[in-house]
Protein backbone atom coordinates (compact mmCIF):
# COMPACT_ATOMS: atom_id res chain seq x y z
CA UNK A 1 55.34 136.90 -51.31
CA UNK A 2 57.01 138.05 -54.32
CA UNK A 3 56.91 136.01 -57.45
CA UNK A 4 59.91 135.92 -59.76
CA UNK A 5 59.32 134.31 -63.03
CA UNK A 6 61.99 133.48 -65.67
CA UNK A 7 60.72 132.31 -69.02
CA UNK A 8 63.30 130.76 -71.26
CA UNK A 9 63.36 129.82 -74.90
CA UNK A 10 65.86 127.04 -75.61
CA UNK A 11 67.27 125.73 -78.77
CA UNK A 12 66.37 122.00 -79.49
CA UNK A 13 69.79 120.60 -79.51
CA UNK A 14 70.41 121.93 -76.01
CA UNK A 15 67.01 121.49 -74.36
CA UNK A 16 67.70 118.27 -72.54
CA UNK A 17 71.10 119.07 -71.14
CA UNK A 18 69.72 122.64 -70.32
CA UNK A 19 66.80 121.14 -68.07
CA UNK A 20 69.20 118.89 -66.22
CA UNK A 21 71.16 121.78 -65.26
CA UNK A 22 68.25 123.68 -64.41
CA UNK A 23 67.28 120.44 -62.13
CA UNK A 24 70.62 119.86 -60.78
CA UNK A 25 72.60 123.08 -60.31
CA UNK A 26 70.73 126.27 -61.38
CA UNK A 27 67.79 126.09 -59.12
CA UNK A 28 69.48 124.56 -56.41
CA UNK A 29 71.90 127.63 -56.43
CA UNK A 30 68.70 130.03 -56.49
CA UNK A 31 67.38 128.51 -53.31
CA UNK A 32 70.53 129.05 -51.42
CA UNK A 33 69.90 132.74 -51.96
CA UNK A 34 68.39 134.43 -48.80
CA UNK A 35 64.68 134.89 -49.14
CA UNK A 36 64.18 132.05 -52.23
CA UNK A 37 61.69 130.06 -50.67
CA UNK A 38 60.57 127.57 -53.39
CA UNK A 39 60.72 127.10 -57.06
CA UNK A 40 58.41 125.53 -59.75
CA UNK A 41 59.90 124.45 -63.01
CA UNK A 42 57.34 124.24 -65.88
CA UNK A 43 58.03 122.14 -69.17
CA UNK A 44 56.02 122.82 -72.31
CA UNK A 45 54.57 119.85 -73.82
CA UNK A 46 52.97 120.32 -77.19
CA UNK A 47 51.11 123.38 -78.02
CA UNK A 48 52.44 126.33 -80.23
CA UNK A 49 56.31 126.19 -80.24
CA UNK A 50 59.07 127.37 -82.66
CA UNK A 51 60.39 124.30 -84.45
CA UNK A 52 63.84 125.17 -83.46
CA UNK A 53 63.31 125.75 -79.95
CA UNK A 54 61.18 124.85 -76.70
CA UNK A 55 60.05 126.66 -73.90
CA UNK A 56 60.80 126.51 -70.01
CA UNK A 57 59.58 128.52 -67.23
CA UNK A 58 60.80 128.91 -63.52
CA UNK A 59 58.58 130.42 -60.98
CA UNK A 60 60.55 131.43 -57.86
CA UNK A 61 58.60 132.28 -54.59
CA UNK A 62 60.48 134.84 -52.59
CA UNK A 63 59.78 136.05 -49.07
CA UNK A 64 59.50 139.81 -49.86
CA UNK A 65 60.59 142.67 -52.21
CA UNK A 66 63.54 143.41 -50.17
CA UNK A 67 64.99 139.95 -50.47
CA UNK A 68 64.30 140.33 -54.45
CA UNK A 69 66.43 143.64 -54.23
CA UNK A 70 69.27 141.97 -52.36
CA UNK A 71 69.14 139.06 -55.04
CA UNK A 72 69.20 141.67 -57.95
CA UNK A 73 72.07 143.79 -56.34
CA UNK A 74 74.16 140.86 -54.79
CA UNK A 75 73.52 137.57 -56.83
CA UNK A 76 71.95 137.93 -59.86
CA UNK A 77 74.66 138.61 -62.44
CA UNK A 78 76.99 135.88 -61.15
CA UNK A 79 73.84 133.21 -61.59
CA UNK A 80 72.95 134.40 -64.79
CA UNK A 81 76.58 134.35 -66.11
CA UNK A 82 76.75 130.44 -65.25
CA UNK A 83 74.00 129.92 -68.02
CA UNK A 84 75.57 132.17 -70.52
CA UNK A 85 78.97 130.51 -70.13
CA UNK A 86 77.42 126.96 -70.21
CA UNK A 87 75.12 127.33 -72.95
CA UNK A 88 76.71 130.40 -75.09
CA UNK A 89 73.73 131.44 -77.63
CA UNK A 90 71.52 128.50 -76.89
CA UNK A 91 68.87 130.27 -74.93
CA UNK A 92 67.20 133.57 -74.23
CA UNK A 93 65.37 134.69 -71.17
CA UNK A 94 62.89 137.18 -69.88
CA UNK A 95 62.14 137.92 -66.49
CA UNK A 96 58.96 139.05 -64.64
CA UNK A 97 58.09 140.22 -60.84
CA UNK A 98 54.89 140.04 -59.27
CA UNK A 99 54.84 141.70 -55.89
CA UNK A 100 51.33 140.42 -54.97
CA UNK A 101 49.98 136.99 -55.45
CA UNK A 102 46.50 135.83 -54.42
CA UNK A 103 45.85 132.12 -54.12
CA UNK A 104 42.81 130.52 -54.46
CA UNK A 105 41.75 126.58 -54.55
CA UNK A 106 42.31 123.39 -52.31
CA UNK A 107 45.41 122.70 -50.70
CA UNK A 108 47.56 120.22 -52.92
């Protein structure tokens, strides 16, 4: 399984609408992409934050590297453009890919 993480910094004035859009449109659209199995939406509470923005992280669980490559070549630009059009200049994003994840602990 591949872990694809997107870390966003969102301006305060757009934060509530942005998170609602992630929940109701963006993440469900991602989960329609072949090989995208699940997603964790992480909302930062407290901690060290820049006064004018808040941080959000989405952790996508992808079946394998081939499915991630297909997403990048066939779906990524279209899905990214939706956010850029809806929230121009209101957020920035960085992405990471982890090709191997070892899980430990109790089932939850």
